[in-house]
């Protein structure tokens, strides 16, 4: 399992993961972008508060996208059911 050492928000973090390098880089870039957007809109914040707001923002994004995914899966399921009921369509 590859070992990574990244610098995020001025903190150095090391970890092991099976994720490919491009996923790690994309995640790092995404977090840095979100963090910078947060700081630009919030002004002076301690690192702890900024990271807490970042976590809340990411959790909200996750929950919204999970709900959207569930609705899409439900719609796809209904379409598949109709197709199975009337295969000649």
N, C-alpha and C. Protein backbone atom coordinates (compact mmCIF):
# COMPACT_ATOMS: atom_id res chain seq x y z
N UNK A 1 0.85 -1.16 0.00
CA UNK A 1 0.00 0.00 0.00
C UNK A 1 0.91 1.24 0.00
N UNK A 2 0.69 2.15 -0.95
CA UNK A 2 1.54 3.34 -1.02
C UNK A 2 1.35 4.28 0.17
N UNK A 3 2.43 4.95 0.51
CA UNK A 3 2.41 5.93 1.60
C UNK A 3 2.48 7.32 0.97
N UNK A 4 1.66 8.22 1.47
CA UNK A 4 1.61 9.60 0.98
C UNK A 4 1.93 10.55 2.12
N UNK A 5 2.59 11.63 1.79
CA UNK A 5 2.79 12.73 2.72
C UNK A 5 2.36 14.00 1.99
N UNK A 6 1.35 14.64 2.53
CA UNK A 6 0.80 15.85 1.92
C UNK A 6 0.89 17.01 2.89
N UNK A 7 0.89 18.19 2.33
CA UNK A 7 0.78 19.39 3.14
C UNK A 7 -0.57 20.01 2.83
N UNK A 8 -1.47 19.98 3.81
CA UNK A 8 -2.81 20.53 3.68
C UNK A 8 -3.02 21.60 4.74
N UNK A 9 -3.42 22.77 4.31
CA UNK A 9 -3.73 23.86 5.23
C UNK A 9 -2.57 24.18 6.16
N UNK A 10 -1.37 23.99 5.66
CA UNK A 10 -0.18 24.25 6.46
C UNK A 10 0.18 23.11 7.41
N UNK A 11 -0.53 22.02 7.34
CA UNK A 11 -0.25 20.87 8.19
C UNK A 11 0.28 19.73 7.34
N UNK A 12 1.29 19.04 7.84
CA UNK A 12 1.82 17.88 7.12
C UNK A 12 1.13 16.63 7.63
N UNK A 13 0.64 15.83 6.69
CA UNK A 13 -0.07 14.61 7.06
C UNK A 13 0.47 13.44 6.24
N UNK A 14 0.71 12.32 6.91
CA UNK A 14 1.18 11.11 6.23
C UNK A 14 0.16 10.00 6.46
N UNK A 15 -0.05 9.19 5.42
CA UNK A 15 -1.01 8.11 5.52
C UNK A 15 -0.75 7.09 4.42
N UNK A 16 -1.34 5.91 4.59
CA UNK A 16 -1.27 4.85 3.58
C UNK A 16 -2.67 4.63 3.03
N UNK A 17 -2.75 4.35 1.73
CA UNK A 17 -4.05 4.08 1.12
C UNK A 17 -3.85 3.32 -0.18
N UNK A 18 -4.89 2.62 -0.59
CA UNK A 18 -4.89 1.93 -1.88
C UNK A 18 -5.30 2.86 -3.01
N UNK A 19 -5.75 4.06 -2.67
CA UNK A 19 -6.20 5.02 -3.68
C UNK A 19 -5.04 5.41 -4.59
N UNK A 20 -5.37 5.61 -5.87
CA UNK A 20 -4.35 5.99 -6.83
C UNK A 20 -3.94 7.45 -6.63
N UNK A 21 -2.75 7.77 -7.11
CA UNK A 21 -2.17 9.09 -6.94
C UNK A 21 -3.08 10.20 -7.47
N UNK A 22 -3.73 9.96 -8.62
CA UNK A 22 -4.60 11.01 -9.18
C UNK A 22 -5.79 11.30 -8.28
N UNK A 23 -6.29 10.30 -7.57
CA UNK A 23 -7.39 10.53 -6.61
C UNK A 23 -6.93 11.35 -5.42
N UNK A 24 -5.73 11.04 -4.94
CA UNK A 24 -5.17 11.79 -3.80
C UNK A 24 -4.97 13.24 -4.20
N UNK A 25 -4.40 13.47 -5.38
CA UNK A 25 -4.16 14.84 -5.85
C UNK A 25 -5.47 15.59 -6.06
N UNK A 26 -6.47 14.91 -6.62
CA UNK A 26 -7.77 15.55 -6.83
C UNK A 26 -8.43 15.91 -5.50
N UNK A 27 -8.34 15.02 -4.53
CA UNK A 27 -8.92 15.28 -3.21
C UNK A 27 -8.21 16.45 -2.53
N UNK A 28 -6.89 16.48 -2.64
CA UNK A 28 -6.12 17.57 -2.04
C UNK A 28 -6.50 18.90 -2.70
N UNK A 29 -6.58 18.93 -4.01
CA UNK A 29 -6.94 20.15 -4.72
C UNK A 29 -8.35 20.61 -4.36
N UNK A 30 -9.28 19.66 -4.26
CA UNK A 30 -10.66 19.99 -3.90
C UNK A 30 -10.73 20.60 -2.50
N UNK A 31 -10.05 19.97 -1.54
CA UNK A 31 -10.06 20.48 -0.18
C UNK A 31 -9.44 21.86 -0.09
N UNK A 32 -8.33 22.07 -0.77
CA UNK A 32 -7.67 23.37 -0.74
C UNK A 32 -8.55 24.45 -1.36
N UNK A 33 -9.25 24.10 -2.45
CA UNK A 33 -10.16 25.06 -3.09
C UNK A 33 -11.30 25.43 -2.15
N UNK A 34 -11.94 24.42 -1.57
CA UNK A 34 -13.05 24.67 -0.64
C UNK A 34 -12.59 25.49 0.57
N UNK A 35 -11.41 25.16 1.08
CA UNK A 35 -10.86 25.87 2.25
C UNK A 35 -10.61 27.33 1.91
N UNK A 36 -10.01 27.58 0.75
CA UNK A 36 -9.73 28.96 0.34
C UNK A 36 -11.01 29.74 0.08
N UNK A 37 -12.02 29.09 -0.51
CA UNK A 37 -13.32 29.75 -0.71
C UNK A 37 -13.93 30.14 0.64
N UNK A 38 -13.82 29.25 1.59
CA UNK A 38 -14.35 29.50 2.92
C UNK A 38 -13.65 30.69 3.57
N UNK A 39 -12.33 30.70 3.49
CA UNK A 39 -11.57 31.78 4.12
C UNK A 39 -11.82 33.12 3.44
N UNK A 40 -11.98 33.11 2.12
CA UNK A 40 -12.19 34.37 1.42
C UNK A 40 -13.55 34.98 1.76
N UNK A 41 -14.52 34.14 2.09
CA UNK A 41 -15.84 34.64 2.43
C UNK A 41 -16.04 34.91 3.91
N UNK A 42 -15.17 34.37 4.74
CA UNK A 42 -15.38 34.46 6.19
C UNK A 42 -14.45 35.44 6.89
N UNK A 43 -13.42 35.87 6.22
CA UNK A 43 -12.48 36.78 6.88
C UNK A 43 -11.54 36.03 7.81
N UNK A 44 -11.22 36.65 8.92
CA UNK A 44 -10.28 36.06 9.87
C UNK A 44 -10.94 34.97 10.70
N UNK A 45 -10.41 33.76 10.57
CA UNK A 45 -10.89 32.63 11.36
C UNK A 45 -9.67 31.88 11.88
N UNK A 46 -9.81 31.29 13.05
CA UNK A 46 -8.75 30.41 13.52
C UNK A 46 -8.75 29.17 12.62
N UNK A 47 -7.62 28.50 12.58
CA UNK A 47 -7.53 27.29 11.75
C UNK A 47 -8.55 26.26 12.21
N UNK A 48 -8.76 26.13 13.51
CA UNK A 48 -9.71 25.16 14.04
C UNK A 48 -11.14 25.46 13.57
N UNK A 49 -11.54 26.73 13.64
CA UNK A 49 -12.88 27.08 13.19
C UNK A 49 -13.01 26.91 11.68
N UNK A 50 -11.99 27.30 10.93
CA UNK A 50 -12.04 27.16 9.47
C UNK A 50 -12.17 25.69 9.08
N UNK A 51 -11.40 24.82 9.74
CA UNK A 51 -11.48 23.39 9.43
C UNK A 51 -12.83 22.81 9.85
N UNK A 52 -13.39 23.30 10.95
CA UNK A 52 -14.71 22.84 11.38
C UNK A 52 -15.77 23.25 10.37
N UNK A 53 -15.71 24.50 9.90
CA UNK A 53 -16.65 24.94 8.87
C UNK A 53 -16.47 24.15 7.58
N UNK A 54 -15.22 23.84 7.26
CA UNK A 54 -14.95 23.03 6.06
C UNK A 54 -15.60 21.65 6.21
N UNK A 55 -15.45 21.04 7.37
CA UNK A 55 -16.08 19.73 7.61
C UNK A 55 -17.60 19.81 7.49
N UNK A 56 -18.18 20.85 8.05
CA UNK A 56 -19.64 21.02 7.95
C UNK A 56 -20.07 21.20 6.49
N UNK A 57 -19.31 21.97 5.74
CA UNK A 57 -19.62 22.18 4.33
C UNK A 57 -19.53 20.89 3.54
N UNK A 58 -18.48 20.11 3.79
CA UNK A 58 -18.31 18.84 3.09
C UNK A 58 -19.39 17.84 3.49
N UNK A 59 -19.76 17.83 4.77
CA UNK A 59 -20.83 16.93 5.21
C UNK A 59 -22.15 17.31 4.55
N UNK A 60 -22.42 18.60 4.45
CA UNK A 60 -23.64 19.06 3.79
C UNK A 60 -23.63 18.67 2.31
N UNK A 61 -22.50 18.88 1.63
CA UNK A 61 -22.38 18.47 0.22
C UNK A 61 -22.66 16.98 0.07
N UNK A 62 -22.08 16.19 0.96
CA UNK A 62 -22.25 14.74 0.91
C UNK A 62 -23.73 14.37 1.07
N UNK A 63 -24.39 14.96 2.06
CA UNK A 63 -25.79 14.63 2.32
C UNK A 63 -26.69 15.04 1.17
N UNK A 64 -26.46 16.22 0.61
CA UNK A 64 -27.25 16.67 -0.54
C UNK A 64 -27.05 15.74 -1.72
N UNK A 65 -25.79 15.38 -2.00
CA UNK A 65 -25.51 14.51 -3.14
C UNK A 65 -26.01 13.09 -2.91
N UNK A 66 -25.98 12.62 -1.68
CA UNK A 66 -26.52 11.29 -1.37
C UNK A 66 -28.02 11.25 -1.63
N UNK A 67 -28.71 12.32 -1.25
CA UNK A 67 -30.15 12.41 -1.49
C UNK A 67 -30.44 12.43 -2.99
N UNK A 68 -29.68 13.23 -3.74
CA UNK A 68 -29.86 13.29 -5.20
C UNK A 68 -29.61 11.93 -5.82
N UNK A 69 -28.57 11.24 -5.37
CA UNK A 69 -28.26 9.92 -5.91
C UNK A 69 -29.39 8.94 -5.63
N UNK A 70 -29.92 8.97 -4.42
CA UNK A 70 -31.03 8.06 -4.07
C UNK A 70 -32.24 8.33 -4.95
N UNK A 71 -32.54 9.60 -5.21
CA UNK A 71 -33.68 9.93 -6.08
C UNK A 71 -33.43 9.45 -7.51
N UNK A 72 -32.23 9.64 -8.01
CA UNK A 72 -31.90 9.16 -9.35
C UNK A 72 -31.99 7.64 -9.45
N UNK A 73 -31.49 6.94 -8.42
CA UNK A 73 -31.57 5.48 -8.41
C UNK A 73 -33.02 5.02 -8.40
N UNK A 74 -33.86 5.74 -7.66
CA UNK A 74 -35.29 5.40 -7.61
C UNK A 74 -35.93 5.59 -8.99
N UNK A 75 -35.62 6.70 -9.65
CA UNK A 75 -36.16 6.95 -10.99
C UNK A 75 -35.69 5.89 -11.98
N UNK A 76 -34.43 5.54 -11.93
CA UNK A 76 -33.89 4.50 -12.81
C UNK A 76 -34.57 3.17 -12.55
N UNK A 77 -34.79 2.86 -11.27
CA UNK A 77 -35.48 1.62 -10.91
C UNK A 77 -36.88 1.58 -11.48
N UNK A 78 -37.59 2.70 -11.43
CA UNK A 78 -38.95 2.75 -11.99
C UNK A 78 -38.93 2.58 -13.50
N UNK A 79 -37.96 3.20 -14.15
CA UNK A 79 -37.83 3.05 -15.61
C UNK A 79 -37.55 1.60 -15.97
N UNK A 80 -36.66 0.95 -15.21
CA UNK A 80 -36.34 -0.45 -15.47
C UNK A 80 -37.56 -1.35 -15.24
N UNK A 81 -38.33 -1.04 -14.19
CA UNK A 81 -39.55 -1.82 -13.94
C UNK A 81 -40.52 -1.71 -15.11
N UNK A 82 -40.70 -0.50 -15.64
CA UNK A 82 -41.61 -0.32 -16.77
C UNK A 82 -41.09 -1.07 -17.99
N UNK A 83 -39.79 -1.04 -18.17
CA UNK A 83 -39.19 -1.75 -19.33
C UNK A 83 -39.38 -3.24 -19.18
N UNK A 84 -39.25 -3.78 -17.99
CA UNK A 84 -39.43 -5.21 -17.77
C UNK A 84 -40.89 -5.62 -17.92
N UNK A 85 -41.82 -4.73 -17.53
CA UNK A 85 -43.24 -5.01 -17.65
C UNK A 85 -43.68 -5.02 -19.12
N UNK A 86 -43.09 -4.15 -19.91
CA UNK A 86 -43.47 -4.03 -21.32
C UNK A 86 -42.20 -4.05 -22.17
N UNK A 87 -41.61 -5.25 -22.34
CA UNK A 87 -40.32 -5.33 -23.07
C UNK A 87 -40.40 -4.92 -24.52
N UNK A 88 -41.58 -4.81 -25.10
CA UNK A 88 -41.72 -4.43 -26.51
C UNK A 88 -41.59 -2.93 -26.73
N UNK A 89 -41.51 -2.16 -25.69
CA UNK A 89 -41.43 -0.70 -25.83
C UNK A 89 -40.13 -0.26 -26.38
